[in-house]
Amino acid sequence: MNRNNNSKKNNSKITSPMITALYCRLSLEDGKDNESMSISNQKLLLKDYAEKNGMFNCEFYVDDGFTGRNFVEVR
């Protein structure tokens, strides 16, 4: 009798679809408009790149109003 085959393990896992996180951050050139132009452009570029590279189920994470310069101070 082969002891390795005495019990069968269920190796199937329940998985949820992967999320593609797309991160956008304010550019200093945009000022304080509602949604800055750079954020809108970044969303378009990132979504296009993701789709062309087989990445779907995208979610945007946006720091509109926080630049790289004030990121540490604000957080």
PDB file of N, CA and C in Angstrom:
ATOM      1  N   MET A   1       0.842  -1.174   0.000  1.00  0.00           N
ATOM      2  CA  MET A   1       0.000   0.000   0.000  1.00  0.00           C
ATOM      3  C   MET A   1       0.890   1.242   0.000  1.00  0.00           C
ATOM      4  N   ASN A   2       0.551   2.187  -0.853  1.00  0.00           N
ATOM      5  CA  ASN A   2       1.321   3.413  -0.966  1.00  0.00           C
ATOM      6  C   ASN A   2       0.768   4.444   0.012  1.00  0.00           C
ATOM      7  N   ARG A   3       1.560   4.808   0.993  1.00  0.00           N
ATOM      8  CA  ARG A   3       1.091   5.736   2.029  1.00  0.00           C
ATOM      9  C   ARG A   3       0.872   7.152   1.497  1.00  0.00           C
ATOM     10  N   ASN A   4       1.525   7.518   0.434  1.00  0.00           N
ATOM     11  CA  ASN A   4       1.378   8.867  -0.107  1.00  0.00           C
ATOM     12  C   ASN A   4       0.010   9.095  -0.731  1.00  0.00           C
ATOM     13  N   ASN A   5      -0.688   8.046  -1.113  1.00  0.00           N
ATOM     14  CA  ASN A   5      -1.983   8.197  -1.766  1.00  0.00           C
ATOM     15  C   ASN A   5      -3.156   7.861  -0.857  1.00  0.00           C
ATOM     16  N   ASN A   6      -2.917   7.729   0.459  1.00  0.00           N
ATOM     17  CA  ASN A   6      -3.991   7.363   1.377  1.00  0.00           C
ATOM     18  C   ASN A   6      -5.086   8.413   1.444  1.00  0.00           C
ATOM     19  N   SER A   7      -4.724   9.641   1.396  1.00  0.00           N
ATOM     20  CA  SER A   7      -5.743  10.691   1.451  1.00  0.00           C
ATOM     21  C   SER A   7      -5.513  11.661   0.302  1.00  0.00           C
ATOM     22  N   LYS A   8      -6.602  12.037  -0.288  1.00  0.00           N
ATOM     23  CA  LYS A   8      -6.510  13.013  -1.374  1.00  0.00           C
ATOM     24  C   LYS A   8      -6.769  14.394  -0.798  1.00  0.00           C
ATOM     25  N   LYS A   9      -5.893  15.304  -1.112  1.00  0.00           N
ATOM     26  CA  LYS A   9      -6.056  16.678  -0.644  1.00  0.00           C
ATOM     27  C   LYS A   9      -6.736  17.492  -1.721  1.00  0.00           C
ATOM     28  N   ASN A  10      -7.606  18.364  -1.284  1.00  0.00           N
ATOM     29  CA  ASN A  10      -8.264  19.274  -2.212  1.00  0.00           C
ATOM     30  C   ASN A  10      -7.386  20.509  -2.348  1.00  0.00           C
ATOM     31  N   ASN A  11      -6.674  20.613  -3.448  1.00  0.00           N
ATOM     32  CA  ASN A  11      -5.753  21.725  -3.662  1.00  0.00           C
ATOM     33  C   ASN A  11      -6.407  22.920  -4.331  1.00  0.00           C
ATOM     34  N   SER A  12      -7.695  22.825  -4.617  1.00  0.00           N
ATOM     35  CA  SER A  12      -8.343  23.957  -5.279  1.00  0.00           C
ATOM     36  C   SER A  12      -8.572  25.064  -4.265  1.00  0.00           C
ATOM     37  N   LYS A  13      -8.272  26.267  -4.673  1.00  0.00           N
ATOM     38  CA  LYS A  13      -8.434  27.435  -3.817  1.00  0.00           C
ATOM     39  C   LYS A  13      -9.487  28.342  -4.420  1.00  0.00           C
ATOM     40  N   ILE A  14     -10.203  29.005  -3.556  1.00  0.00           N
ATOM     41  CA  ILE A  14     -11.161  29.997  -4.030  1.00  0.00           C
ATOM     42  C   ILE A  14     -10.389  31.296  -4.213  1.00  0.00           C
ATOM     43  N   THR A  15     -10.391  31.792  -5.430  1.00  0.00           N
ATOM     44  CA  THR A  15      -9.658  33.023  -5.697  1.00  0.00           C
ATOM     45  C   THR A  15     -10.601  34.079  -6.238  1.00  0.00           C
ATOM     46  N   SER A  16     -10.301  35.294  -5.917  1.00  0.00           N
ATOM     47  CA  SER A  16     -11.063  36.404  -6.471  1.00  0.00           C
ATOM     48  C   SER A  16     -10.254  36.991  -7.615  1.00  0.00           C
ATOM     49  N   PRO A  17     -10.926  37.654  -8.547  1.00  0.00           N
ATOM     50  CA  PRO A  17     -10.189  38.242  -9.667  1.00  0.00           C
ATOM     51  C   PRO A  17      -9.192  39.290  -9.166  1.00  0.00           C
ATOM     52  N   MET A  18      -8.044  39.307  -9.800  1.00  0.00           N
ATOM     53  CA  MET A  18      -7.021  40.272  -9.404  1.00  0.00           C
ATOM     54  C   MET A  18      -7.436  41.679  -9.819  1.00  0.00           C
ATOM     55  N   ILE A  19      -7.073  42.629  -9.009  1.00  0.00           N
ATOM     56  CA  ILE A  19      -7.337  44.037  -9.296  1.00  0.00           C
ATOM     57  C   ILE A  19      -6.044  44.662  -9.802  1.00  0.00           C
ATOM     58  N   THR A  20      -6.156  45.470 -10.841  1.00  0.00           N
ATOM     59  CA  THR A  20      -5.024  46.248 -11.321  1.00  0.00           C
ATOM     60  C   THR A  20      -5.155  47.636 -10.713  1.00  0.00           C
ATOM     61  N   ALA A  21      -4.230  47.995  -9.833  1.00  0.00           N
ATOM     62  CA  ALA A  21      -4.252  49.297  -9.177  1.00  0.00           C
ATOM     63  C   ALA A  21      -3.534  50.311 -10.053  1.00  0.00           C
ATOM     64  N   LEU A  22      -4.228  51.389 -10.376  1.00  0.00           N
ATOM     65  CA  LEU A  22      -3.659  52.463 -11.191  1.00  0.00           C
ATOM     66  C   LEU A  22      -3.580  53.712 -10.312  1.00  0.00           C
ATOM     67  N   TYR A  23      -2.378  54.235 -10.123  1.00  0.00           N
ATOM     68  CA  TYR A  23      -2.146  55.344  -9.201  1.00  0.00           C
ATOM     69  C   TYR A  23      -1.853  56.632  -9.958  1.00  0.00           C
ATOM     70  N   CYS A  24      -2.583  57.682  -9.613  1.00  0.00           N
ATOM     71  CA  CYS A  24      -2.405  59.006 -10.233  1.00  0.00           C
ATOM     72  C   CYS A  24      -2.113  60.020  -9.131  1.00  0.00           C
ATOM     73  N   ARG A  25      -1.242  60.987  -9.454  1.00  0.00           N
ATOM     74  CA  ARG A  25      -0.912  62.021  -8.479  1.00  0.00           C
ATOM     75  C   ARG A  25      -0.875  63.380  -9.160  1.00  0.00           C
ATOM     76  N   LEU A  26      -1.266  64.399  -8.445  1.00  0.00           N
ATOM     77  CA  LEU A  26      -1.328  65.770  -8.936  1.00  0.00           C
ATOM     78  C   LEU A  26       0.034  66.267  -9.406  1.00  0.00           C
ATOM     79  N   SER A  27      -0.001  67.029 -10.491  1.00  0.00           N
ATOM     80  CA  SER A  27       1.197  67.706 -10.973  1.00  0.00           C
ATOM     81  C   SER A  27       1.145  69.154 -10.504  1.00  0.00           C
ATOM     82  N   LEU A  28       2.289  69.734 -10.177  1.00  0.00           N
ATOM     83  CA  LEU A  28       2.340  71.128  -9.723  1.00  0.00           C
ATOM     84  C   LEU A  28       1.826  72.102 -10.775  1.00  0.00           C
ATOM     85  N   GLU A  29       1.937  71.752 -12.047  1.00  0.00           N
ATOM     86  CA  GLU A  29       1.529  72.654 -13.121  1.00  0.00           C
ATOM     87  C   GLU A  29       0.017  72.843 -13.187  1.00  0.00           C
ATOM     88  N   ASP A  30      -0.744  71.974 -12.560  1.00  0.00           N
ATOM     89  CA  ASP A  30      -2.196  72.001 -12.713  1.00  0.00           C
ATOM     90  C   ASP A  30      -2.922  72.969 -11.797  1.00  0.00           C
ATOM     91  N   GLY A  31      -2.325  73.347 -10.710  1.00  0.00           N
ATOM     92  CA  GLY A  31      -3.027  74.231  -9.803  1.00  0.00           C
ATOM     93  C   GLY A  31      -4.078  73.490  -9.002  1.00  0.00           C
ATOM     94  N   LYS A  32      -5.166  74.196  -8.665  1.00  0.00           N
ATOM     95  CA  LYS A  32      -6.175  73.634  -7.770  1.00  0.00           C
ATOM     96  C   LYS A  32      -7.540  73.505  -8.436  1.00  0.00           C
ATOM     97  N   ASP A  33      -7.594  73.112  -9.707  1.00  0.00           N
ATOM     98  CA  ASP A  33      -8.878  72.919 -10.380  1.00  0.00           C
ATOM     99  C   ASP A  33      -9.603  71.718  -9.780  1.00  0.00           C
ATOM    100  N   ASN A  34     -10.860  71.496 -10.218  1.00  0.00           N
ATOM    101  CA  ASN A  34     -11.642  70.370  -9.699  1.00  0.00           C
ATOM    102  C   ASN A  34     -10.871  69.065  -9.812  1.00  0.00           C
ATOM    103  N   GLU A  35     -10.835  68.501 -10.985  1.00  0.00           N
ATOM    104  CA  GLU A  35      -9.947  67.364 -11.222  1.00  0.00           C
ATOM    105  C   GLU A  35      -8.919  67.857 -12.215  1.00  0.00           C
ATOM    106  N   SER A  36      -7.681  67.822 -11.806  1.00  0.00           N
ATOM    107  CA  SER A  36      -6.629  68.405 -12.632  1.00  0.00           C
ATOM    108  C   SER A  36      -6.508  67.696 -13.969  1.00  0.00           C
ATOM    109  N   MET A  37      -6.006  68.444 -14.945  1.00  0.00           N
ATOM    110  CA  MET A  37      -5.810  67.889 -16.282  1.00  0.00           C
ATOM    111  C   MET A  37      -4.815  66.736 -16.250  1.00  0.00           C
ATOM    112  N   SER A  38      -3.785  66.842 -15.423  1.00  0.00           N
ATOM    113  CA  SER A  38      -2.808  65.752 -15.399  1.00  0.00           C
ATOM    114  C   SER A  38      -3.433  64.474 -14.850  1.00  0.00           C
ATOM    115  N   ILE A  39      -4.344  64.595 -13.899  1.00  0.00           N
ATOM    116  CA  ILE A  39      -5.025  63.412 -13.365  1.00  0.00           C
ATOM    117  C   ILE A  39      -5.862  62.770 -14.464  1.00  0.00           C
ATOM    118  N   SER A  40      -6.605  63.574 -15.198  1.00  0.00           N
ATOM    119  CA  SER A  40      -7.420  63.044 -16.298  1.00  0.00           C
ATOM    120  C   SER A  40      -6.550  62.362 -17.342  1.00  0.00           C
ATOM    121  N   ASN A  41      -5.445  63.008 -17.693  1.00  0.00           N
ATOM    122  CA  ASN A  41      -4.525  62.427 -18.679  1.00  0.00           C
ATOM    123  C   ASN A  41      -3.867  61.154 -18.159  1.00  0.00           C
ATOM    124  N   GLN A  42      -3.472  61.161 -16.896  1.00  0.00           N
ATOM    125  CA  GLN A  42      -2.860  59.971 -16.314  1.00  0.00           C
ATOM    126  C   GLN A  42      -3.834  58.797 -16.334  1.00  0.00           C
ATOM    127  N   LYS A  43      -5.094  59.062 -16.028  1.00  0.00           N
ATOM    128  CA  LYS A  43      -6.102  57.996 -16.048  1.00  0.00           C
ATOM    129  C   LYS A  43      -6.223  57.386 -17.440  1.00  0.00           C
ATOM    130  N   LEU A  44      -6.286  58.247 -18.446  1.00  0.00           N
ATOM    131  CA  LEU A  44      -6.394  57.754 -19.823  1.00  0.00           C
ATOM    132  C   LEU A  44      -5.171  56.930 -20.222  1.00  0.00           C
ATOM    133  N   LEU A  45      -3.989  57.454 -19.926  1.00  0.00           N
ATOM    134  CA  LEU A  45      -2.753  56.758 -20.291  1.00  0.00           C
ATOM    135  C   LEU A  45      -2.607  55.429 -19.552  1.00  0.00           C
ATOM    136  N   LEU A  46      -2.889  55.438 -18.259  1.00  0.00           N
ATOM    137  CA  LEU A  46      -2.747  54.219 -17.468  1.00  0.00           C
ATOM    138  C   LEU A  46      -3.751  53.146 -17.881  1.00  0.00           C
ATOM    139  N   LYS A  47      -4.998  53.555 -18.122  1.00  0.00           N
ATOM    140  CA  LYS A  47      -6.033  52.601 -18.544  1.00  0.00           C
ATOM    141  C   LYS A  47      -5.662  51.988 -19.896  1.00  0.00           C
ATOM    142  N   ASP A  48      -5.197  52.833 -20.817  1.00  0.00           N
ATOM    143  CA  ASP A  48      -4.783  52.358 -22.134  1.00  0.00           C
ATOM    144  C   ASP A  48      -3.626  51.364 -22.014  1.00  0.00           C
ATOM    145  N   TYR A  49      -2.624  51.709 -21.201  1.00  0.00           N
ATOM    146  CA  TYR A  49      -1.472  50.823 -21.004  1.00  0.00           C
ATOM    147  C   TYR A  49      -1.910  49.487 -20.398  1.00  0.00           C
ATOM    148  N   ALA A  50      -2.756  49.558 -19.381  1.00  0.00           N
ATOM    149  CA  ALA A  50      -3.209  48.339 -18.705  1.00  0.00           C
ATOM    150  C   ALA A  50      -3.936  47.411 -19.671  1.00  0.00           C
ATOM    151  N   GLU A  51      -4.858  47.966 -20.449  1.00  0.00           N
ATOM    152  CA  GLU A  51      -5.632  47.141 -21.378  1.00  0.00           C
ATOM    153  C   GLU A  51      -4.755  46.530 -22.471  1.00  0.00           C
ATOM    154  N   LYS A  52      -3.793  47.309 -22.970  1.00  0.00           N
ATOM    155  CA  LYS A  52      -2.893  46.794 -24.010  1.00  0.00           C
ATOM    156  C   LYS A  52      -1.993  45.675 -23.489  1.00  0.00           C
ATOM    157  N   ASN A  53      -1.792  45.634 -22.184  1.00  0.00           N
ATOM    158  CA  ASN A  53      -0.923  44.629 -21.582  1.00  0.00           C
ATOM    159  C   ASN A  53      -1.704  43.555 -20.821  1.00  0.00           C
ATOM    160  N   GLY A  54      -2.990  43.431 -21.134  1.00  0.00           N
ATOM    161  CA  GLY A  54      -3.794  42.354 -20.570  1.00  0.00           C
ATOM    162  C   GLY A  54      -4.172  42.508 -19.112  1.00  0.00           C
ATOM    163  N   MET A  55      -4.154  43.732 -18.620  1.00  0.00           N
ATOM    164  CA  MET A  55      -4.525  43.981 -17.224  1.00  0.00           C
ATOM    165  C   MET A  55      -5.914  44.608 -17.196  1.00  0.00           C
ATOM    166  N   PHE A  56      -6.830  43.918 -16.546  1.00  0.00           N
ATOM    167  CA  PHE A  56      -8.208  44.389 -16.499  1.00  0.00           C
ATOM    168  C   PHE A  56      -8.642  44.520 -15.048  1.00  0.00           C
ATOM    169  N   ASN A  57      -9.909  44.788 -14.821  1.00  0.00           N
ATOM    170  CA  ASN A  57     -10.450  44.997 -13.478  1.00  0.00           C
ATOM    171  C   ASN A  57      -9.651  46.099 -12.772  1.00  0.00           C
ATOM    172  N   CYS A  58      -9.537  47.244 -13.439  1.00  0.00           N
ATOM    173  CA  CYS A  58      -8.719  48.356 -12.958  1.00  0.00           C
ATOM    174  C   CYS A  58      -9.463  49.189 -11.922  1.00  0.00           C
ATOM    175  N   GLU A  59      -8.716  49.625 -10.926  1.00  0.00           N
ATOM    176  CA  GLU A  59      -9.214  50.582  -9.947  1.00  0.00           C
ATOM    177  C   GLU A  59      -8.196  51.711  -9.845  1.00  0.00           C
ATOM    178  N   PHE A  60      -8.708  52.942  -9.848  1.00  0.00           N
ATOM    179  CA  PHE A  60      -7.838  54.108  -9.752  1.00  0.00           C
ATOM    180  C   PHE A  60      -7.689  54.538  -8.302  1.00  0.00           C
ATOM    181  N   TYR A  61      -6.482  54.898  -7.947  1.00  0.00           N
ATOM    182  CA  TYR A  61      -6.173  55.489  -6.654  1.00  0.00           C
ATOM    183  C   TYR A  61      -5.567  56.850  -6.968  1.00  0.00           C
ATOM    184  N   VAL A  62      -6.218  57.914  -6.487  1.00  0.00           N
ATOM    185  CA  VAL A  62      -5.865  59.264  -6.919  1.00  0.00           C
ATOM    186  C   VAL A  62      -5.544  60.147  -5.722  1.00  0.00           C
ATOM    187  N   ASP A  63      -4.396  60.817  -5.777  1.00  0.00           N
ATOM    188  CA  ASP A  63      -4.032  61.866  -4.829  1.00  0.00           C
ATOM    189  C   ASP A  63      -4.126  63.185  -5.573  1.00  0.00           C
ATOM    190  N   ASP A  64      -5.343  63.647  -5.817  1.00  0.00           N
ATOM    191  CA  ASP A  64      -5.541  64.922  -6.502  1.00  0.00           C
ATOM    192  C   ASP A  64      -5.575  66.004  -5.434  1.00  0.00           C
ATOM    193  N   GLY A  65      -4.543  66.792  -5.381  1.00  0.00           N
ATOM    194  CA  GLY A  65      -4.429  67.810  -4.354  1.00  0.00           C
ATOM    195  C   GLY A  65      -3.162  67.620  -3.537  1.00  0.00           C
ATOM    196  N   PHE A  66      -2.508  66.487  -3.698  1.00  0.00           N
ATOM    197  CA  PHE A  66      -1.265  66.225  -2.992  1.00  0.00           C
ATOM    198  C   PHE A  66      -0.164  65.971  -4.012  1.00  0.00           C
ATOM    199  N   THR A  67       0.862  66.783  -3.967  1.00  0.00           N
ATOM    200  CA  THR A  67       1.987  66.595  -4.879  1.00  0.00           C
ATOM    201  C   THR A  67       3.038  65.732  -4.205  1.00  0.00           C
ATOM    202  N   GLY A  68       4.041  65.362  -4.943  1.00  0.00           N
ATOM    203  CA  GLY A  68       5.155  64.627  -4.365  1.00  0.00           C
ATOM    204  C   GLY A  68       5.910  65.459  -3.343  1.00  0.00           C
ATOM    205  N   ARG A  69       5.841  66.768  -3.480  1.00  0.00           N
ATOM    206  CA  ARG A  69       6.549  67.655  -2.550  1.00  0.00           C
ATOM    207  C   ARG A  69       5.859  67.746  -1.200  1.00  0.00           C
ATOM    208  N   ASN A  70       4.519  67.741  -1.184  1.00  0.00           N
ATOM    209  CA  ASN A  70       3.847  67.865   0.107  1.00  0.00           C
ATOM    210  C   ASN A  70       3.289  66.537   0.605  1.00  0.00           C
ATOM    211  N   PHE A  71       3.592  65.453  -0.076  1.00  0.00           N
ATOM    212  CA  PHE A  71       3.060  64.132   0.250  1.00  0.00           C
ATOM    213  C   PHE A  71       3.383  63.736   1.694  1.00  0.00           C
ATOM    214  N   VAL A  72       4.648  63.886   2.102  1.00  0.00           N
ATOM    215  CA  VAL A  72       5.068  63.478   3.442  1.00  0.00           C
ATOM    216  C   VAL A  72       4.457  64.389   4.490  1.00  0.00           C
ATOM    217  N   GLU A  73       4.397  65.690   4.225  1.00  0.00           N
ATOM    218  CA  GLU A  73       3.852  66.642   5.185  1.00  0.00           C
ATOM    219  C   GLU A  73       2.380  66.374   5.467  1.00  0.00           C
ATOM    220  N   VAL A  74       1.620  66.046   4.445  1.00  0.00           N
ATOM    221  CA  VAL A  74       0.181  65.860   4.573  1.00  0.00           C
ATOM    222  C   VAL A  74      -0.140  64.527   5.226  1.00  0.00           C
ATOM    223  N   ARG A  75       0.580  63.506   4.911  1.00  0.00           N
ATOM    224  CA  ARG A  75       0.295  62.157   5.414  1.00  0.00           C
ATOM    225  C   ARG A  75       0.790  62.067   6.812  1.00  0.00           C
TER     226      ARG A  75
END
